[in-house]
């Protein structure tokens, strides 16, 4: 925020300006990566998370997701689809993330496969599509809660 003096109708006025690029009280410090190849689903999840106050990055496949994780050490949670084109699917991506970045929390989703907890890395959550967006928000908040 910075102060600026302006003149209007011969009168001096002080105004506070807030840069749209610096809004720490609005954006959560929690950075989330959404990896989903279906554009409309990805956009929906990203929008829901942003409206809930999270800082969200997005990737269209596992390869892009890995590159983003390598470049952004602030990511604390990954939401991934299971069935995606590319070098690895969402299960393989989840396993890679758990191995390379153990602190990152993982949520996986699929409309075709119903997974058991044993199919996913330890601590990961699974949602069968279609899911309620409120469930995703609750899960993200639960996994990223500061103790």
C-alpha atoms as a PDB file:
ATOM      1  CA  UNK A   1       0.000   0.000   0.000  1.00  0.00           C
ATOM      2  CA  UNK A   2       1.276   3.460  -0.745  1.00  0.00           C
ATOM      3  CA  UNK A   3      -0.020   6.960  -0.145  1.00  0.00           C
ATOM      4  CA  UNK A   4      -0.657   9.290  -3.066  1.00  0.00           C
ATOM      5  CA  UNK A   5      -1.696  12.899  -3.089  1.00  0.00           C
ATOM      6  CA  UNK A   6      -4.241  13.900  -5.727  1.00  0.00           C
ATOM      7  CA  UNK A   7      -5.891  17.139  -6.686  1.00  0.00           C
ATOM      8  CA  UNK A   8      -9.557  17.321  -7.624  1.00  0.00           C
ATOM      9  CA  UNK A   9     -11.391  20.586  -8.156  1.00  0.00           C
ATOM     10  CA  UNK A  10      -8.558  22.559  -6.551  1.00  0.00           C
ATOM     11  CA  UNK A  11      -8.635  20.453  -3.344  1.00  0.00           C
ATOM     12  CA  UNK A  12      -5.813  18.173  -2.241  1.00  0.00           C
ATOM     13  CA  UNK A  13      -6.770  14.641  -1.269  1.00  0.00           C
ATOM     14  CA  UNK A  14      -4.729  11.768   0.156  1.00  0.00           C
ATOM     15  CA  UNK A  15      -5.575   8.333  -1.180  1.00  0.00           C
ATOM     16  CA  UNK A  16      -4.256   4.881  -0.354  1.00  0.00           C
ATOM     17  CA  UNK A  17      -3.435   2.697  -3.321  1.00  0.00           C
ATOM     18  CA  UNK A  18      -3.263  -1.068  -3.076  1.00  0.00           C
ATOM     19  CA  UNK A  19      -1.323  -2.918  -5.730  1.00  0.00           C
ATOM     20  CA  UNK A  20      -3.286  -5.897  -7.109  1.00  0.00           C
ATOM     21  CA  UNK A  21      -0.032  -7.856  -7.061  1.00  0.00           C
ATOM     22  CA  UNK A  22       0.460  -7.548  -3.314  1.00  0.00           C
ATOM     23  CA  UNK A  23      -2.541  -8.684  -1.334  1.00  0.00           C
ATOM     24  CA  UNK A  24      -1.185 -10.891   1.463  1.00  0.00           C
ATOM     25  CA  UNK A  25      -4.286 -10.579   3.618  1.00  0.00           C
ATOM     26  CA  UNK A  26      -6.496 -11.945   0.834  1.00  0.00           C
ATOM     27  CA  UNK A  27      -4.464 -14.809  -0.622  1.00  0.00           C
ATOM     28  CA  UNK A  28      -3.633 -17.809   1.508  1.00  0.00           C
ATOM     29  CA  UNK A  29       0.054 -18.637   1.711  1.00  0.00           C
ATOM     30  CA  UNK A  30      -0.952 -22.200   0.889  1.00  0.00           C
ATOM     31  CA  UNK A  31       0.003 -22.984  -2.704  1.00  0.00           C
ATOM     32  CA  UNK A  32      -1.844 -25.815  -4.455  1.00  0.00           C
ATOM     33  CA  UNK A  33      -1.053 -27.533  -7.741  1.00  0.00           C
ATOM     34  CA  UNK A  34      -4.011 -28.878  -9.748  1.00  0.00           C
ATOM     35  CA  UNK A  35      -3.039 -31.488 -12.370  1.00  0.00           C
ATOM     36  CA  UNK A  36      -5.979 -32.304 -14.648  1.00  0.00           C
ATOM     37  CA  UNK A  37      -6.061 -32.808 -18.424  1.00  0.00           C
ATOM     38  CA  UNK A  38      -9.802 -32.111 -18.808  1.00  0.00           C
ATOM     39  CA  UNK A  39      -9.956 -28.349 -19.284  1.00  0.00           C
ATOM     40  CA  UNK A  40     -13.410 -27.703 -17.818  1.00  0.00           C
ATOM     41  CA  UNK A  41     -12.782 -29.861 -14.753  1.00  0.00           C
ATOM     42  CA  UNK A  42      -9.389 -28.225 -14.171  1.00  0.00           C
ATOM     43  CA  UNK A  43     -10.824 -24.719 -14.521  1.00  0.00           C
ATOM     44  CA  UNK A  44     -13.662 -25.586 -12.130  1.00  0.00           C
ATOM     45  CA  UNK A  45     -11.351 -26.998  -9.444  1.00  0.00           C
ATOM     46  CA  UNK A  46      -8.927 -24.082  -9.816  1.00  0.00           C
ATOM     47  CA  UNK A  47     -11.749 -21.540  -9.524  1.00  0.00           C
ATOM     48  CA  UNK A  48     -13.282 -23.235  -6.468  1.00  0.00           C
ATOM     49  CA  UNK A  49      -9.907 -23.305  -4.711  1.00  0.00           C
ATOM     50  CA  UNK A  50      -9.159 -19.677  -5.580  1.00  0.00           C
ATOM     51  CA  UNK A  51     -12.567 -18.528  -4.342  1.00  0.00           C
ATOM     52  CA  UNK A  52     -11.817 -20.411  -1.103  1.00  0.00           C
ATOM     53  CA  UNK A  53      -8.688 -18.263  -0.782  1.00  0.00           C
ATOM     54  CA  UNK A  54      -5.939 -20.608  -1.928  1.00  0.00           C
ATOM     55  CA  UNK A  55      -3.050 -19.741  -4.225  1.00  0.00           C
ATOM     56  CA  UNK A  56      -3.401 -22.170  -7.157  1.00  0.00           C
ATOM     57  CA  UNK A  57      -1.130 -23.295  -9.995  1.00  0.00           C
ATOM     58  CA  UNK A  58      -2.341 -25.608 -12.744  1.00  0.00           C
ATOM     59  CA  UNK A  59      -0.870 -28.237 -15.044  1.00  0.00           C
ATOM     60  CA  UNK A  60      -2.448 -30.256 -17.867  1.00  0.00           C
ATOM     61  CA  UNK A  61      -0.489 -33.483 -17.302  1.00  0.00           C
ATOM     62  CA  UNK A  62       2.001 -35.177 -14.987  1.00  0.00           C
ATOM     63  CA  UNK A  63       5.051 -34.027 -16.949  1.00  0.00           C
ATOM     64  CA  UNK A  64       4.016 -30.387 -16.627  1.00  0.00           C
ATOM     65  CA  UNK A  65       3.131 -30.969 -12.973  1.00  0.00           C
ATOM     66  CA  UNK A  66       6.615 -32.327 -12.208  1.00  0.00           C
ATOM     67  CA  UNK A  67       8.224 -29.306 -13.894  1.00  0.00           C
ATOM     68  CA  UNK A  68       6.074 -26.982 -11.798  1.00  0.00           C
ATOM     69  CA  UNK A  69       6.964 -28.829  -8.597  1.00  0.00           C
ATOM     70  CA  UNK A  70      10.664 -28.610  -9.459  1.00  0.00           C
ATOM     71  CA  UNK A  71      10.367 -24.864 -10.059  1.00  0.00           C
ATOM     72  CA  UNK A  72       8.052 -23.929  -7.168  1.00  0.00           C
ATOM     73  CA  UNK A  73       9.136 -24.969  -3.658  1.00  0.00           C
ATOM     74  CA  UNK A  74       6.049 -23.311  -2.126  1.00  0.00           C
ATOM     75  CA  UNK A  75       3.565 -25.944  -3.347  1.00  0.00           C
ATOM     76  CA  UNK A  76       2.088 -27.703  -0.300  1.00  0.00           C
ATOM     77  CA  UNK A  77      -0.686 -29.793  -1.850  1.00  0.00           C
ATOM     78  CA  UNK A  78      -1.327 -31.465  -5.193  1.00  0.00           C
ATOM     79  CA  UNK A  79      -4.768 -32.327  -6.541  1.00  0.00           C
ATOM     80  CA  UNK A  80      -4.462 -34.761  -9.457  1.00  0.00           C
ATOM     81  CA  UNK A  81      -6.651 -36.694 -11.828  1.00  0.00           C
ATOM     82  CA  UNK A  82      -5.765 -40.391 -12.144  1.00  0.00           C
ATOM     83  CA  UNK A  83      -6.282 -40.972 -15.845  1.00  0.00           C
ATOM     84  CA  UNK A  84      -4.163 -38.577 -17.920  1.00  0.00           C
ATOM     85  CA  UNK A  85      -2.169 -38.783 -21.137  1.00  0.00           C
ATOM     86  CA  UNK A  86       1.598 -38.447 -21.024  1.00  0.00           C
ATOM     87  CA  UNK A  87       4.578 -40.248 -19.558  1.00  0.00           C
ATOM     88  CA  UNK A  88       2.780 -41.094 -16.305  1.00  0.00           C
ATOM     89  CA  UNK A  89      -0.746 -41.252 -14.960  1.00  0.00           C
ATOM     90  CA  UNK A  90      -1.988 -39.701 -11.728  1.00  0.00           C
ATOM     91  CA  UNK A  91      -1.104 -42.722  -9.588  1.00  0.00           C
ATOM     92  CA  UNK A  92       2.465 -42.667 -10.865  1.00  0.00           C
ATOM     93  CA  UNK A  93       2.568 -38.912 -10.359  1.00  0.00           C
ATOM     94  CA  UNK A  94       1.331 -39.297  -6.777  1.00  0.00           C
ATOM     95  CA  UNK A  95       4.007 -41.929  -6.068  1.00  0.00           C
ATOM     96  CA  UNK A  96       6.710 -39.706  -7.594  1.00  0.00           C
ATOM     97  CA  UNK A  97       5.569 -36.709  -5.561  1.00  0.00           C
ATOM     98  CA  UNK A  98       5.569 -38.732  -2.340  1.00  0.00           C
ATOM     99  CA  UNK A  99       9.099 -39.988  -3.112  1.00  0.00           C
ATOM    100  CA  UNK A 100      10.625 -36.665  -4.222  1.00  0.00           C
ATOM    101  CA  UNK A 101       8.599 -34.201  -2.129  1.00  0.00           C
ATOM    102  CA  UNK A 102       7.365 -36.126   0.955  1.00  0.00           C
ATOM    103  CA  UNK A 103       5.787 -33.124   2.742  1.00  0.00           C
ATOM    104  CA  UNK A 104       3.415 -32.357  -0.157  1.00  0.00           C
ATOM    105  CA  UNK A 105      -0.133 -33.504   0.571  1.00  0.00           C
ATOM    106  CA  UNK A 106      -1.940 -35.389  -2.200  1.00  0.00           C
ATOM    107  CA  UNK A 107      -5.569 -35.599  -3.306  1.00  0.00           C
ATOM    108  CA  UNK A 108      -6.407 -37.837  -6.273  1.00  0.00           C
ATOM    109  CA  UNK A 109      -9.672 -38.084  -8.202  1.00  0.00           C
ATOM    110  CA  UNK A 110     -11.103 -40.332 -10.898  1.00  0.00           C
ATOM    111  CA  UNK A 111     -14.392 -40.942 -12.618  1.00  0.00           C
ATOM    112  CA  UNK A 112     -13.391 -44.383 -13.878  1.00  0.00           C
ATOM    113  CA  UNK A 113     -11.426 -46.014 -11.115  1.00  0.00           C
ATOM    114  CA  UNK A 114     -12.466 -46.492  -7.514  1.00  0.00           C
ATOM    115  CA  UNK A 115      -9.259 -46.672  -5.540  1.00  0.00           C
ATOM    116  CA  UNK A 116      -8.542 -48.000  -2.094  1.00  0.00           C
ATOM    117  CA  UNK A 117      -6.229 -46.279   0.385  1.00  0.00           C
ATOM    118  CA  UNK A 118      -3.627 -48.975  -0.338  1.00  0.00           C
ATOM    119  CA  UNK A 119      -3.530 -47.908  -4.014  1.00  0.00           C
ATOM    120  CA  UNK A 120      -2.295 -44.425  -3.078  1.00  0.00           C
ATOM    121  CA  UNK A 121       0.776 -43.124  -1.264  1.00  0.00           C
ATOM    122  CA  UNK A 122       0.459 -42.916   2.520  1.00  0.00           C
ATOM    123  CA  UNK A 123      -1.742 -40.051   3.656  1.00  0.00           C
ATOM    124  CA  UNK A 124      -3.231 -39.348   0.218  1.00  0.00           C
ATOM    125  CA  UNK A 125      -6.980 -38.879  -0.201  1.00  0.00           C
ATOM    126  CA  UNK A 126      -9.163 -40.122  -3.053  1.00  0.00           C
ATOM    127  CA  UNK A 127     -12.420 -38.729  -4.474  1.00  0.00           C
ATOM    128  CA  UNK A 128     -14.654 -40.456  -6.987  1.00  0.00           C
ATOM    129  CA  UNK A 129     -15.984 -38.115  -9.690  1.00  0.00           C
ATOM    130  CA  UNK A 130     -18.378 -36.469  -9.673  1.00  0.00           C
ATOM    131  CA  UNK A 131     -17.588 -35.046  -6.258  1.00  0.00           C
ATOM    132  CA  UNK A 132     -19.003 -32.132  -4.327  1.00  0.00           C
ATOM    133  CA  UNK A 133     -16.662 -29.161  -4.471  1.00  0.00           C
ATOM    134  CA  UNK A 134     -17.330 -28.532  -0.784  1.00  0.00           C
ATOM    135  CA  UNK A 135     -15.763 -31.947  -0.064  1.00  0.00           C
ATOM    136  CA  UNK A 136     -12.617 -30.914  -1.922  1.00  0.00           C
ATOM    137  CA  UNK A 137     -12.393 -27.627  -0.014  1.00  0.00           C
ATOM    138  CA  UNK A 138     -12.880 -29.432   3.312  1.00  0.00           C
ATOM    139  CA  UNK A 139     -10.202 -31.991   2.383  1.00  0.00           C
ATOM    140  CA  UNK A 140      -7.727 -29.294   1.319  1.00  0.00           C
ATOM    141  CA  UNK A 141      -8.338 -27.347   4.524  1.00  0.00           C
ATOM    142  CA  UNK A 142      -7.930 -30.496   6.603  1.00  0.00           C
ATOM    143  CA  UNK A 143      -4.696 -31.547   4.908  1.00  0.00           C
ATOM    144  CA  UNK A 144      -3.152 -28.081   5.029  1.00  0.00           C
ATOM    145  CA  UNK A 145      -4.286 -27.062   8.516  1.00  0.00           C
ATOM    146  CA  UNK A 146      -1.467 -25.615  10.563  1.00  0.00           C
ATOM    147  CA  UNK A 147      -1.114 -27.545  13.787  1.00  0.00           C
END
